[in-house]
Amino acid sequence: MLLRAFGEMLPAAMGVALSPFPVIAVILVLGTADAVRTGVAFALGWLVGIGGLTAVILLAVSSADQAGSTESTLLAWVRVLAGAAMIVLAGKKWATRPREGDTPVMPPWMASIEGISPVRAVRLGLLLGGANPKNIALTLSAAASITELGLHGSTKVVAGVIFVVLASSTVVGAVVLRVIAGERAAMFLTSVQHFMVDNNNVIMMVVLLVLGANVLGKGLEALSW
């Protein structure tokens, strides 16, 4: 059952992991003077943020699951709302994409990362992990999949942990690479950062549109039964 849960959660988890903002942010953090300490602090903040978000949403969806005869309808509406939210976000990303010849501009909070302290890095990771509308929508989708499979108790906890690990793979992976490879990792991470900055809107538009359509379709299919 866990293997099936893994397959159901994988698209949503990869949607979180491939979000350009946290990847760009962690690479910028790893470019600071105290790269390792600050990078580890950011990763811890991210893990707490996405982990807390997953726990809260799983509890909320589980409560709906225990409501009785309305279970399937509630979970279907969770998917519909999550899918619709992702499609709306995809449209917003496409509408605000840089036009040909424009130079992508990083948000002010990214420009302020230079010289960030470990304490601020924890807060930044926490916000990016737990207070991101896209993460909320994707986590809702994953939680609905876990609940629909009938996972309970420790099995549900393990499924939630797997989702958090997968969703954190890029952020934590960048920090681990920097710790292991040191300065040798800098050139590779910088090239990833530039690619993400240049293609941020397009990457997110594609990810959100594909996942949103899939989640919305599952929700509408369930409501039609």
N, C-alpha and C. Protein backbone atom coordinates (compact mmCIF):
# COMPACT_ATOMS: atom_id res chain seq x y z
N MET A 1 0.82 -1.21 0.00
CA MET A 1 0.00 0.00 0.00
C MET A 1 0.86 1.27 0.00
N LEU A 2 1.99 1.19 0.73
CA LEU A 2 2.89 2.35 0.75
C LEU A 2 3.48 2.62 -0.63
N LEU A 3 3.75 1.53 -1.37
CA LEU A 3 4.30 1.71 -2.72
C LEU A 3 3.29 2.43 -3.60
N ARG A 4 2.02 2.09 -3.47
CA ARG A 4 0.99 2.77 -4.24
C ARG A 4 0.87 4.23 -3.80
N ALA A 5 0.98 4.47 -2.49
CA ALA A 5 0.93 5.84 -1.98
C ALA A 5 2.10 6.65 -2.53
N PHE A 6 3.27 6.01 -2.63
CA PHE A 6 4.45 6.67 -3.20
C PHE A 6 4.16 7.15 -4.62
N GLY A 7 3.57 6.26 -5.42
CA GLY A 7 3.24 6.62 -6.80
C GLY A 7 2.22 7.73 -6.88
N GLU A 8 1.22 7.71 -5.99
CA GLU A 8 0.18 8.74 -6.00
C GLU A 8 0.73 10.10 -5.58
N MET A 9 1.67 10.09 -4.62
CA MET A 9 2.19 11.35 -4.07
C MET A 9 3.31 11.95 -4.91
N LEU A 10 3.98 11.10 -5.70
CA LEU A 10 5.19 11.54 -6.40
C LEU A 10 5.00 12.80 -7.24
N PRO A 11 3.95 12.91 -8.08
CA PRO A 11 3.81 14.14 -8.88
C PRO A 11 3.69 15.40 -8.03
N ALA A 12 2.89 15.35 -6.96
CA ALA A 12 2.73 16.52 -6.09
C ALA A 12 4.04 16.86 -5.38
N ALA A 13 4.73 15.83 -4.90
CA ALA A 13 6.00 16.06 -4.20
C ALA A 13 7.04 16.67 -5.14
N MET A 14 7.11 16.19 -6.38
CA MET A 14 8.05 16.75 -7.33
C MET A 14 7.66 18.18 -7.73
N GLY A 15 6.36 18.46 -7.73
CA GLY A 15 5.92 19.83 -7.98
C GLY A 15 6.47 20.79 -6.94
N VAL A 16 6.47 20.35 -5.67
CA VAL A 16 7.04 21.17 -4.59
C VAL A 16 8.56 21.26 -4.76
N ALA A 17 9.19 20.12 -5.01
CA ALA A 17 10.66 20.08 -5.08
C ALA A 17 11.22 20.91 -6.23
N LEU A 18 10.48 20.97 -7.34
CA LEU A 18 10.98 21.67 -8.53
C LEU A 18 10.60 23.15 -8.57
N SER A 19 9.98 23.63 -7.53
CA SER A 19 9.64 25.05 -7.48
C SER A 19 10.92 25.88 -7.51
N PRO A 20 11.06 26.80 -8.45
CA PRO A 20 12.32 27.55 -8.57
C PRO A 20 12.66 28.40 -7.36
N PHE A 21 11.67 29.02 -6.70
CA PHE A 21 11.97 29.96 -5.61
C PHE A 21 12.82 29.35 -4.50
N PRO A 22 12.42 28.21 -3.88
CA PRO A 22 13.27 27.66 -2.82
C PRO A 22 14.62 27.18 -3.33
N VAL A 23 14.67 26.68 -4.57
CA VAL A 23 15.95 26.23 -5.12
C VAL A 23 16.89 27.42 -5.30
N ILE A 24 16.37 28.51 -5.88
CA ILE A 24 17.18 29.72 -6.05
C ILE A 24 17.61 30.25 -4.69
N ALA A 25 16.66 30.27 -3.74
CA ALA A 25 16.96 30.81 -2.41
C ALA A 25 18.06 30.02 -1.72
N VAL A 26 17.99 28.68 -1.75
CA VAL A 26 19.01 27.89 -1.06
C VAL A 26 20.36 28.05 -1.73
N ILE A 27 20.39 28.20 -3.06
CA ILE A 27 21.67 28.40 -3.75
C ILE A 27 22.27 29.76 -3.38
N LEU A 28 21.41 30.79 -3.28
CA LEU A 28 21.89 32.10 -2.86
C LEU A 28 22.42 32.04 -1.43
N VAL A 29 21.72 31.32 -0.56
CA VAL A 29 22.16 31.16 0.83
C VAL A 29 23.52 30.46 0.87
N LEU A 30 23.68 29.46 0.00
CA LEU A 30 24.94 28.71 -0.03
C LEU A 30 26.09 29.52 -0.65
N GLY A 31 25.75 30.69 -1.18
CA GLY A 31 26.78 31.57 -1.72
C GLY A 31 27.25 32.61 -0.73
N THR A 32 26.69 32.59 0.48
CA THR A 32 27.08 33.56 1.50
C THR A 32 28.39 33.14 2.15
N ALA A 33 28.94 34.03 2.98
CA ALA A 33 30.23 33.76 3.60
C ALA A 33 30.19 32.54 4.50
N ASP A 34 29.14 32.41 5.30
CA ASP A 34 29.00 31.26 6.20
C ASP A 34 28.05 30.25 5.55
N ALA A 35 28.46 29.74 4.40
CA ALA A 35 27.57 28.97 3.53
C ALA A 35 26.98 27.74 4.21
N VAL A 36 27.83 26.94 4.85
CA VAL A 36 27.36 25.66 5.39
C VAL A 36 26.37 25.87 6.53
N ARG A 37 26.72 26.68 7.51
CA ARG A 37 25.82 26.90 8.65
C ARG A 37 24.50 27.51 8.20
N THR A 38 24.59 28.51 7.32
CA THR A 38 23.37 29.18 6.87
C THR A 38 22.55 28.27 5.99
N GLY A 39 23.21 27.48 5.14
CA GLY A 39 22.50 26.54 4.29
C GLY A 39 21.77 25.47 5.09
N VAL A 40 22.43 24.93 6.11
CA VAL A 40 21.80 23.93 6.97
C VAL A 40 20.61 24.55 7.71
N ALA A 41 20.76 25.80 8.16
CA ALA A 41 19.67 26.49 8.85
C ALA A 41 18.47 26.67 7.92
N PHE A 42 18.73 27.05 6.68
CA PHE A 42 17.64 27.22 5.71
C PHE A 42 16.93 25.89 5.47
N ALA A 43 17.71 24.82 5.30
CA ALA A 43 17.12 23.50 5.05
C ALA A 43 16.28 23.04 6.23
N LEU A 44 16.74 23.30 7.45
CA LEU A 44 15.97 22.93 8.63
C LEU A 44 14.65 23.71 8.68
N GLY A 45 14.71 25.01 8.38
CA GLY A 45 13.50 25.81 8.35
C GLY A 45 12.52 25.30 7.31
N TRP A 46 13.05 24.95 6.13
CA TRP A 46 12.20 24.40 5.06
C TRP A 46 11.54 23.10 5.51
N LEU A 47 12.32 22.20 6.11
CA LEU A 47 11.79 20.91 6.55
C LEU A 47 10.69 21.08 7.60
N VAL A 48 10.90 22.00 8.54
CA VAL A 48 9.88 22.27 9.55
C VAL A 48 8.63 22.85 8.90
N GLY A 49 8.83 23.77 7.95
CA GLY A 49 7.71 24.41 7.28
C GLY A 49 6.87 23.42 6.47
N ILE A 50 7.52 22.66 5.61
CA ILE A 50 6.77 21.72 4.76
C ILE A 50 6.26 20.54 5.59
N GLY A 51 7.03 20.16 6.63
CA GLY A 51 6.58 19.08 7.50
C GLY A 51 5.36 19.47 8.31
N GLY A 52 5.38 20.69 8.86
CA GLY A 52 4.23 21.18 9.62
C GLY A 52 3.01 21.33 8.74
N LEU A 53 3.19 21.86 7.54
CA LEU A 53 2.08 22.01 6.60
C LEU A 53 1.47 20.65 6.26
N THR A 54 2.32 19.66 6.00
CA THR A 54 1.84 18.32 5.67
C THR A 54 1.05 17.71 6.83
N ALA A 55 1.57 17.88 8.05
CA ALA A 55 0.89 17.32 9.22
C ALA A 55 -0.48 17.95 9.42
N VAL A 56 -0.56 19.27 9.30
CA VAL A 56 -1.84 19.98 9.50
C VAL A 56 -2.86 19.56 8.45
N ILE A 57 -2.43 19.51 7.19
CA ILE A 57 -3.36 19.17 6.11
C ILE A 57 -3.80 17.71 6.21
N LEU A 58 -2.88 16.82 6.57
CA LEU A 58 -3.24 15.41 6.74
C LEU A 58 -4.28 15.24 7.85
N LEU A 59 -4.09 15.98 8.95
CA LEU A 59 -5.05 15.91 10.06
C LEU A 59 -6.42 16.44 9.61
N ALA A 60 -6.40 17.54 8.87
CA ALA A 60 -7.66 18.14 8.41
C ALA A 60 -8.39 17.20 7.46
N VAL A 61 -7.65 16.63 6.51
CA VAL A 61 -8.28 15.73 5.54
C VAL A 61 -8.74 14.44 6.22
N SER A 62 -7.99 13.97 7.22
CA SER A 62 -8.38 12.77 7.97
C SER A 62 -9.67 13.01 8.74
N SER A 63 -9.81 14.23 9.30
CA SER A 63 -11.04 14.57 10.02
C SER A 63 -12.23 14.53 9.08
N ALA A 64 -12.03 15.04 7.86
CA ALA A 64 -13.10 14.99 6.87
C ALA A 64 -13.41 13.55 6.50
N ASP A 65 -12.36 12.73 6.46
CA ASP A 65 -12.53 11.31 6.11
C ASP A 65 -13.40 10.58 7.14
N GLN A 66 -13.30 11.01 8.39
CA GLN A 66 -14.03 10.36 9.47
C GLN A 66 -15.46 10.88 9.61
N ALA A 67 -15.85 11.79 8.74
CA ALA A 67 -17.18 12.38 8.85
C ALA A 67 -18.29 11.42 8.45
N GLY A 68 -17.92 10.31 7.77
CA GLY A 68 -18.92 9.29 7.44
C GLY A 68 -19.27 9.27 5.97
N SER A 69 -20.53 9.41 5.67
CA SER A 69 -21.03 9.24 4.30
C SER A 69 -20.56 10.31 3.34
N THR A 70 -20.07 11.43 3.87
CA THR A 70 -19.64 12.53 3.00
C THR A 70 -18.18 12.41 2.60
N GLU A 71 -17.52 11.33 3.01
CA GLU A 71 -16.07 11.18 2.79
C GLU A 71 -15.67 11.39 1.33
N SER A 72 -16.22 10.62 0.41
CA SER A 72 -15.78 10.68 -0.98
C SER A 72 -16.05 12.05 -1.59
N THR A 73 -17.18 12.66 -1.25
CA THR A 73 -17.51 13.98 -1.79
C THR A 73 -16.54 15.03 -1.29
N LEU A 74 -16.22 14.99 0.01
CA LEU A 74 -15.28 15.97 0.58
C LEU A 74 -13.91 15.85 -0.06
N LEU A 75 -13.42 14.62 -0.21
CA LEU A 75 -12.10 14.43 -0.81
C LEU A 75 -12.11 14.85 -2.28
N ALA A 76 -13.22 14.60 -2.96
CA ALA A 76 -13.32 15.02 -4.35
C ALA A 76 -13.25 16.54 -4.46
N TRP A 77 -13.95 17.23 -3.56
CA TRP A 77 -13.91 18.70 -3.57
C TRP A 77 -12.53 19.24 -3.21
N VAL A 78 -11.82 18.53 -2.33
CA VAL A 78 -10.44 18.92 -2.01
C VAL A 78 -9.60 18.90 -3.28
N ARG A 79 -9.77 17.84 -4.08
CA ARG A 79 -9.02 17.74 -5.34
C ARG A 79 -9.44 18.83 -6.33
N VAL A 80 -10.73 19.05 -6.44
CA VAL A 80 -11.22 20.08 -7.37
C VAL A 80 -10.65 21.45 -7.02
N LEU A 81 -10.72 21.81 -5.74
CA LEU A 81 -10.23 23.11 -5.31
C LEU A 81 -8.71 23.22 -5.47
N ALA A 82 -7.99 22.15 -5.10
CA ALA A 82 -6.53 22.17 -5.25
C ALA A 82 -6.13 22.26 -6.72
N GLY A 83 -6.80 21.47 -7.58
CA GLY A 83 -6.50 21.50 -9.02
C GLY A 83 -6.80 22.84 -9.64
N ALA A 84 -7.96 23.41 -9.28
CA ALA A 84 -8.33 24.72 -9.82
C ALA A 84 -7.34 25.79 -9.37
N ALA A 85 -6.90 25.73 -8.11
CA ALA A 85 -5.94 26.70 -7.60
C ALA A 85 -4.62 26.62 -8.36
N MET A 86 -4.18 25.40 -8.66
CA MET A 86 -2.93 25.24 -9.40
C MET A 86 -3.04 25.78 -10.82
N ILE A 87 -4.19 25.55 -11.46
CA ILE A 87 -4.38 26.06 -12.82
C ILE A 87 -4.41 27.59 -12.84
N VAL A 88 -5.05 28.19 -11.82
CA VAL A 88 -5.07 29.65 -11.71
C VAL A 88 -3.66 30.19 -11.52
N LEU A 89 -2.89 29.53 -10.64
CA LEU A 89 -1.50 29.94 -10.42
C LEU A 89 -0.67 29.79 -11.69
N ALA A 90 -0.94 28.73 -12.46
CA ALA A 90 -0.22 28.52 -13.73
C ALA A 90 -0.51 29.67 -14.70
N GLY A 91 -1.79 30.08 -14.78
CA GLY A 91 -2.14 31.21 -15.64
C GLY A 91 -1.47 32.49 -15.21
N LYS A 92 -1.38 32.69 -13.89
CA LYS A 92 -0.71 33.89 -13.38
C LYS A 92 0.77 33.89 -13.74
N LYS A 93 1.41 32.72 -13.61
CA LYS A 93 2.83 32.62 -13.96
C LYS A 93 3.05 32.94 -15.44
N TRP A 94 2.17 32.43 -16.30
CA TRP A 94 2.31 32.66 -17.73
C TRP A 94 2.08 34.14 -18.06
N ALA A 95 1.09 34.74 -17.42
CA ALA A 95 0.77 36.15 -17.70
C ALA A 95 1.88 37.10 -17.26
N THR A 96 2.60 36.72 -16.22
CA THR A 96 3.64 37.61 -15.67
C THR A 96 5.04 37.20 -16.11
N ARG A 97 5.16 36.31 -17.09
CA ARG A 97 6.48 35.87 -17.54
C ARG A 97 7.22 37.02 -18.21
N PRO A 98 8.54 37.05 -18.11
CA PRO A 98 9.32 38.08 -18.83
C PRO A 98 9.18 37.90 -20.33
N ARG A 99 8.98 38.98 -21.05
CA ARG A 99 8.89 38.91 -22.50
C ARG A 99 10.28 38.78 -23.11
N GLU A 100 10.33 38.39 -24.38
CA GLU A 100 11.61 38.20 -25.06
C GLU A 100 12.43 39.49 -25.00
N GLY A 101 13.66 39.35 -24.58
CA GLY A 101 14.53 40.50 -24.46
C GLY A 101 14.56 41.11 -23.08
N ASP A 102 13.55 40.77 -22.25
CA ASP A 102 13.52 41.29 -20.88
C ASP A 102 14.54 40.55 -20.02
N THR A 103 15.08 41.26 -19.05
CA THR A 103 15.99 40.64 -18.09
C THR A 103 15.20 40.25 -16.85
N PRO A 104 15.18 38.95 -16.51
CA PRO A 104 14.45 38.54 -15.31
C PRO A 104 14.97 39.26 -14.07
N VAL A 105 14.04 39.73 -13.26
CA VAL A 105 14.41 40.46 -12.04
C VAL A 105 14.05 39.61 -10.83
N MET A 106 15.02 39.42 -9.94
CA MET A 106 14.76 38.65 -8.73
C MET A 106 13.93 39.49 -7.76
N PRO A 107 13.01 38.87 -7.02
CA PRO A 107 12.24 39.60 -6.01
C PRO A 107 13.18 40.24 -4.99
N PRO A 108 12.74 41.34 -4.36
CA PRO A 108 13.59 42.04 -3.39
C PRO A 108 14.09 41.13 -2.26
N TRP A 109 13.24 40.18 -1.81
CA TRP A 109 13.67 39.32 -0.70
C TRP A 109 14.82 38.42 -1.11
N MET A 110 14.91 38.08 -2.41
CA MET A 110 16.05 37.29 -2.88
C MET A 110 17.32 38.12 -2.91
N ALA A 111 17.16 39.37 -3.34
CA ALA A 111 18.32 40.26 -3.41
C ALA A 111 18.89 40.54 -2.02
N SER A 112 18.07 40.39 -0.98
CA SER A 112 18.52 40.69 0.39
C SER A 112 19.16 39.48 1.08
N ILE A 113 19.26 38.34 0.37
CA ILE A 113 19.80 37.13 0.99
C ILE A 113 21.29 37.25 1.27
N GLU A 114 21.99 38.05 0.48
CA GLU A 114 23.43 38.22 0.70
C GLU A 114 23.68 38.72 2.13
N GLY A 115 24.47 38.00 2.88
CA GLY A 115 24.75 38.38 4.25
C GLY A 115 23.70 37.92 5.24
N ILE A 116 22.77 37.07 4.82
CA ILE A 116 21.71 36.59 5.70
C ILE A 116 22.31 35.76 6.84
N SER A 117 21.73 35.89 8.04
CA SER A 117 22.22 35.14 9.19
C SER A 117 21.51 33.78 9.26
N PRO A 118 22.08 32.82 10.00
CA PRO A 118 21.41 31.52 10.14
C PRO A 118 20.00 31.63 10.71
N VAL A 119 19.78 32.55 11.65
CA VAL A 119 18.44 32.71 12.23
C VAL A 119 17.45 33.18 11.17
N ARG A 120 17.84 34.16 10.38
CA ARG A 120 16.96 34.63 9.29
C ARG A 120 16.79 33.55 8.22
N ALA A 121 17.81 32.75 8.01
CA ALA A 121 17.72 31.67 7.03
C ALA A 121 16.68 30.64 7.46
N VAL A 122 16.61 30.34 8.76
CA VAL A 122 15.59 29.43 9.28
C VAL A 122 14.21 30.00 9.01
N ARG A 123 14.01 31.28 9.29
CA ARG A 123 12.71 31.91 9.08
C ARG A 123 12.33 31.90 7.61
N LEU A 124 13.30 32.18 6.73
CA LEU A 124 13.03 32.19 5.30
C LEU A 124 12.62 30.80 4.82
N GLY A 125 13.36 29.78 5.25
CA GLY A 125 13.02 28.40 4.87
C GLY A 125 11.65 28.00 5.38
N LEU A 126 11.33 28.43 6.60
CA LEU A 126 10.02 28.13 7.19
C LEU A 126 8.89 28.73 6.37
N LEU A 127 9.05 29.99 5.97
CA LEU A 127 8.02 30.67 5.19
C LEU A 127 7.87 30.06 3.80
N LEU A 128 8.98 29.80 3.13
CA LEU A 128 8.92 29.22 1.78
C LEU A 128 8.34 27.81 1.79
N GLY A 129 8.60 27.07 2.88
CA GLY A 129 8.08 25.71 2.96
C GLY A 129 6.63 25.63 3.38
N GLY A 130 6.24 26.44 4.37
CA GLY A 130 4.92 26.29 4.96
C GLY A 130 3.88 27.31 4.60
N ALA A 131 4.28 28.43 3.99
CA ALA A 131 3.32 29.50 3.72
C ALA A 131 3.21 29.83 2.24
N ASN A 132 3.52 28.86 1.40
CA ASN A 132 3.48 29.04 -0.05
C ASN A 132 2.17 28.48 -0.60
N PRO A 133 1.33 29.30 -1.27
CA PRO A 133 0.05 28.80 -1.78
C PRO A 133 0.19 27.57 -2.67
N LYS A 134 1.25 27.52 -3.48
CA LYS A 134 1.46 26.36 -4.35
C LYS A 134 1.71 25.10 -3.52
N ASN A 135 2.52 25.23 -2.48
CA ASN A 135 2.79 24.08 -1.61
C ASN A 135 1.51 23.60 -0.92
N ILE A 136 0.67 24.54 -0.53
CA ILE A 136 -0.59 24.18 0.13
C ILE A 136 -1.46 23.37 -0.82
N ALA A 137 -1.59 23.84 -2.06
CA ALA A 137 -2.42 23.14 -3.05
C ALA A 137 -1.87 21.75 -3.34
N LEU A 138 -0.56 21.64 -3.52
CA LEU A 138 0.05 20.35 -3.84
C LEU A 138 -0.03 19.38 -2.65
N THR A 139 0.14 19.91 -1.44
CA THR A 139 0.05 19.07 -0.25
C THR A 139 -1.38 18.59 -0.03
N LEU A 140 -2.35 19.43 -0.33
CA LEU A 140 -3.75 19.01 -0.28
C LEU A 140 -4.00 17.81 -1.20
N SER A 141 -3.45 17.89 -2.39
CA SER A 141 -3.61 16.80 -3.35
C SER A 141 -2.98 15.51 -2.82
N ALA A 142 -1.75 15.62 -2.27
CA ALA A 142 -1.08 14.44 -1.73
C ALA A 142 -1.84 13.86 -0.54
N ALA A 143 -2.34 14.74 0.33
CA ALA A 143 -3.09 14.27 1.51
C ALA A 143 -4.36 13.55 1.11
N ALA A 144 -5.02 14.05 0.07
CA ALA A 144 -6.24 13.39 -0.42
C ALA A 144 -5.90 12.00 -0.94
N SER A 145 -4.77 11.87 -1.64
CA SER A 145 -4.36 10.56 -2.16
C SER A 145 -4.09 9.58 -1.03
N ILE A 146 -3.39 10.04 0.02
CA ILE A 146 -3.07 9.18 1.16
C ILE A 146 -4.35 8.71 1.85
N THR A 147 -5.29 9.64 2.04
CA THR A 147 -6.54 9.31 2.73
C THR A 147 -7.40 8.37 1.90
N GLU A 148 -7.45 8.59 0.59
CA GLU A 148 -8.26 7.73 -0.28
C GLU A 148 -7.76 6.29 -0.28
N LEU A 149 -6.48 6.11 -0.05
CA LEU A 149 -5.92 4.75 -0.02
C LEU A 149 -6.23 4.04 1.29
N GLY A 150 -6.81 4.75 2.25
CA GLY A 150 -7.20 4.13 3.52
C GLY A 150 -6.05 3.92 4.47
N LEU A 151 -4.97 4.69 4.33
CA LEU A 151 -3.84 4.54 5.25
C LEU A 151 -4.19 5.13 6.60
N HIS A 152 -3.76 4.46 7.67
CA HIS A 152 -4.07 4.93 9.02
C HIS A 152 -2.85 4.75 9.92
N GLY A 153 -2.88 5.46 11.05
CA GLY A 153 -1.86 5.30 12.07
C GLY A 153 -0.45 5.53 11.56
N SER A 154 0.45 4.60 11.94
CA SER A 154 1.86 4.75 11.60
C SER A 154 2.10 4.72 10.09
N THR A 155 1.27 3.98 9.37
CA THR A 155 1.43 3.92 7.91
C THR A 155 1.18 5.27 7.28
N LYS A 156 0.18 5.98 7.78
CA LYS A 156 -0.11 7.33 7.27
C LYS A 156 1.03 8.28 7.61
N VAL A 157 1.60 8.13 8.82
CA VAL A 157 2.73 8.97 9.22
C VAL A 157 3.91 8.73 8.30
N VAL A 158 4.20 7.46 8.00
CA VAL A 158 5.31 7.12 7.11
C VAL A 158 5.08 7.72 5.72
N ALA A 159 3.83 7.64 5.23
CA ALA A 159 3.52 8.22 3.93
C ALA A 159 3.75 9.72 3.94
N GLY A 160 3.35 10.38 5.03
CA GLY A 160 3.58 11.83 5.15
C GLY A 160 5.06 12.17 5.16
N VAL A 161 5.85 11.36 5.87
CA VAL A 161 7.29 11.58 5.92
C VAL A 161 7.91 11.40 4.54
N ILE A 162 7.45 10.38 3.81
CA ILE A 162 7.96 10.16 2.45
C ILE A 162 7.68 11.37 1.58
N PHE A 163 6.46 11.93 1.70
CA PHE A 163 6.12 13.12 0.92
C PHE A 163 7.05 14.28 1.25
N VAL A 164 7.30 14.51 2.54
CA VAL A 164 8.17 15.61 2.97
C VAL A 164 9.59 15.41 2.43
N VAL A 165 10.09 14.17 2.50
CA VAL A 165 11.45 13.87 2.00
C VAL A 165 11.55 14.15 0.51
N LEU A 166 10.57 13.66 -0.25
CA LEU A 166 10.58 13.89 -1.70
C LEU A 166 10.46 15.37 -2.02
N ALA A 167 9.57 16.07 -1.32
CA ALA A 167 9.35 17.49 -1.59
C ALA A 167 10.56 18.34 -1.21
N SER A 168 11.40 17.82 -0.32
CA SER A 168 12.57 18.56 0.14
C SER A 168 13.86 18.13 -0.56
N SER A 169 13.76 17.24 -1.52
CA SER A 169 14.95 16.63 -2.11
C SER A 169 15.88 17.64 -2.76
N THR A 170 15.33 18.65 -3.43
CA THR A 170 16.20 19.62 -4.12
C THR A 170 16.88 20.56 -3.13
N VAL A 171 16.11 21.05 -2.14
CA VAL A 171 16.67 21.97 -1.15
C VAL A 171 17.74 21.27 -0.31
N VAL A 172 17.38 20.13 0.25
CA VAL A 172 18.34 19.39 1.09
C VAL A 172 19.50 18.87 0.24
N GLY A 173 19.20 18.44 -0.98
CA GLY A 173 20.25 17.94 -1.86
C GLY A 173 21.30 19.00 -2.17
N ALA A 174 20.87 20.24 -2.38
CA ALA A 174 21.81 21.33 -2.66
C ALA A 174 22.73 21.57 -1.46
N VAL A 175 22.17 21.52 -0.25
CA VAL A 175 22.97 21.72 0.96
C VAL A 175 23.96 20.58 1.14
N VAL A 176 23.50 19.35 0.94
CA VAL A 176 24.38 18.18 1.08
C VAL A 176 25.51 18.25 0.07
N LEU A 177 25.19 18.63 -1.17
CA LEU A 177 26.21 18.75 -2.21
C LEU A 177 27.26 19.79 -1.81
N ARG A 178 26.80 20.91 -1.26
CA ARG A 178 27.73 21.98 -0.85
C ARG A 178 28.62 21.53 0.30
N VAL A 179 28.04 20.77 1.25
CA VAL A 179 28.82 20.27 2.39
C VAL A 179 29.86 19.26 1.93
N ILE A 180 29.48 18.38 1.02
CA ILE A 180 30.39 17.31 0.57
C ILE A 180 31.44 17.83 -0.40
N ALA A 181 31.01 18.61 -1.39
CA ALA A 181 31.92 19.04 -2.46
C ALA A 181 32.58 20.39 -2.20
N GLY A 182 32.08 21.14 -1.23
CA GLY A 182 32.68 22.42 -0.92
C GLY A 182 32.60 23.41 -2.07
N GLU A 183 33.66 24.13 -2.29
CA GLU A 183 33.69 25.16 -3.33
C GLU A 183 33.53 24.57 -4.74
N ARG A 184 33.84 23.28 -4.89
CA ARG A 184 33.72 22.65 -6.20
C ARG A 184 32.27 22.61 -6.68
N ALA A 185 31.35 22.67 -5.74
CA ALA A 185 29.92 22.64 -6.10
C ALA A 185 29.41 24.01 -6.54
N ALA A 186 30.18 25.06 -6.26
CA ALA A 186 29.69 26.42 -6.48
C ALA A 186 29.32 26.68 -7.94
N MET A 187 30.18 26.26 -8.88
CA MET A 187 29.92 26.54 -10.30
C MET A 187 28.64 25.85 -10.77
N PHE A 188 28.47 24.58 -10.37
CA PHE A 188 27.26 23.85 -10.77
C PHE A 188 26.01 24.49 -10.18
N LEU A 189 26.04 24.82 -8.90
CA LEU A 189 24.89 25.43 -8.25
C LEU A 189 24.56 26.79 -8.86
N THR A 190 25.59 27.54 -9.23
CA THR A 190 25.36 28.84 -9.85
C THR A 190 24.70 28.70 -11.21
N SER A 191 25.09 27.69 -11.97
CA SER A 191 24.47 27.47 -13.28
C SER A 191 23.01 27.07 -13.12
N VAL A 192 22.70 26.26 -12.10
CA VAL A 192 21.31 25.90 -11.81
C VAL A 192 20.51 27.13 -11.43
N GLN A 193 21.12 27.98 -10.62
CA GLN A 193 20.45 29.22 -10.19
C GLN A 193 20.10 30.09 -11.39
N HIS A 194 21.05 30.30 -12.30
CA HIS A 194 20.80 31.13 -13.47
C HIS A 194 19.69 30.55 -14.35
N PHE A 195 19.71 29.22 -14.51
CA PHE A 195 18.66 28.58 -15.30
C PHE A 195 17.29 28.79 -14.65
N MET A 196 17.23 28.61 -13.34
CA MET A 196 15.97 28.78 -12.62
C MET A 196 15.47 30.22 -12.70
N VAL A 197 16.35 31.18 -12.55
CA VAL A 197 15.96 32.59 -12.62
C VAL A 197 15.43 32.93 -14.01
N ASP A 198 16.14 32.47 -15.04
CA ASP A 198 15.75 32.79 -16.41
C ASP A 198 14.43 32.14 -16.82
N ASN A 199 14.15 30.96 -16.26
CA ASN A 199 12.99 30.18 -16.71
C ASN A 199 11.96 29.94 -15.60
N ASN A 200 12.02 30.72 -14.54
CA ASN A 200 11.15 30.53 -13.38
C ASN A 200 9.67 30.41 -13.76
N ASN A 201 9.15 31.40 -14.46
CA ASN A 201 7.72 31.43 -14.77
C ASN A 201 7.29 30.27 -15.67
N VAL A 202 8.11 29.98 -16.66
CA VAL A 202 7.77 28.90 -17.59
C VAL A 202 7.79 27.55 -16.88
N ILE A 203 8.82 27.31 -16.06
CA ILE A 203 8.91 26.05 -15.31
C ILE A 203 7.67 25.86 -14.44
N MET A 204 7.33 26.90 -13.68
CA MET A 204 6.20 26.78 -12.77
C MET A 204 4.88 26.69 -13.53
N MET A 205 4.77 27.38 -14.65
CA MET A 205 3.53 27.30 -15.43
C MET A 205 3.30 25.87 -15.91
N VAL A 206 4.34 25.22 -16.43
CA VAL A 206 4.21 23.86 -16.93
C VAL A 206 3.88 22.89 -15.79
N VAL A 207 4.64 22.98 -14.69
CA VAL A 207 4.43 22.08 -13.56
C VAL A 207 3.02 22.23 -13.00
N LEU A 208 2.59 23.47 -12.76
CA LEU A 208 1.28 23.71 -12.17
C LEU A 208 0.14 23.34 -13.11
N LEU A 209 0.31 23.61 -14.39
CA LEU A 209 -0.75 23.30 -15.34
C LEU A 209 -0.95 21.78 -15.47
N VAL A 210 0.14 21.05 -15.61
CA VAL A 210 0.04 19.59 -15.76
C VAL A 210 -0.54 18.96 -14.49
N LEU A 211 0.02 19.33 -13.33
CA LEU A 211 -0.46 18.76 -12.08
C LEU A 211 -1.89 19.21 -11.77
N GLY A 212 -2.17 20.49 -12.03
CA GLY A 212 -3.50 21.02 -11.75
C GLY A 212 -4.56 20.31 -12.57
N ALA A 213 -4.30 20.11 -13.85
CA ALA A 213 -5.25 19.42 -14.71
C ALA A 213 -5.48 17.99 -14.25
N ASN A 214 -4.41 17.32 -13.83
CA ASN A 214 -4.52 15.95 -13.35
C ASN A 214 -5.36 15.87 -12.07
N VAL A 215 -5.07 16.76 -11.13
CA VAL A 215 -5.78 16.75 -9.84
C VAL A 215 -7.24 17.15 -10.04
N LEU A 216 -7.48 18.18 -10.84
CA LEU A 216 -8.85 18.62 -11.10
C LEU A 216 -9.65 17.50 -11.78
N GLY A 217 -9.03 16.82 -12.74
CA GLY A 217 -9.70 15.73 -13.43
C GLY A 217 -10.11 14.61 -12.47
N LYS A 218 -9.21 14.26 -11.55
CA LYS A 218 -9.55 13.21 -10.57
C LYS A 218 -10.71 13.64 -9.68
N GLY A 219 -10.72 14.91 -9.29
CA GLY A 219 -11.79 15.40 -8.44
C GLY A 219 -13.13 15.40 -9.15
N LEU A 220 -13.14 15.86 -10.40
CA LEU A 220 -14.39 15.89 -11.18
C LEU A 220 -14.89 14.48 -11.47
N GLU A 221 -13.93 13.58 -11.71
CA GLU A 221 -14.32 12.19 -11.96
C GLU A 221 -15.02 11.59 -10.74
N ALA A 222 -14.47 11.89 -9.55
CA ALA A 222 -15.06 11.36 -8.31
C ALA A 222 -16.45 11.95 -8.07
N LEU A 223 -16.62 13.23 -8.39
CA LEU A 223 -17.93 13.88 -8.18
C LEU A 223 -18.99 13.37 -9.14
N SER A 224 -18.56 12.81 -10.26
CA SER A 224 -19.51 12.35 -11.26
C SER A 224 -20.06 10.97 -10.96
N TRP A 225 -19.49 10.28 -9.94
CA TRP A 225 -19.96 8.93 -9.62
C TRP A 225 -21.37 8.98 -9.05
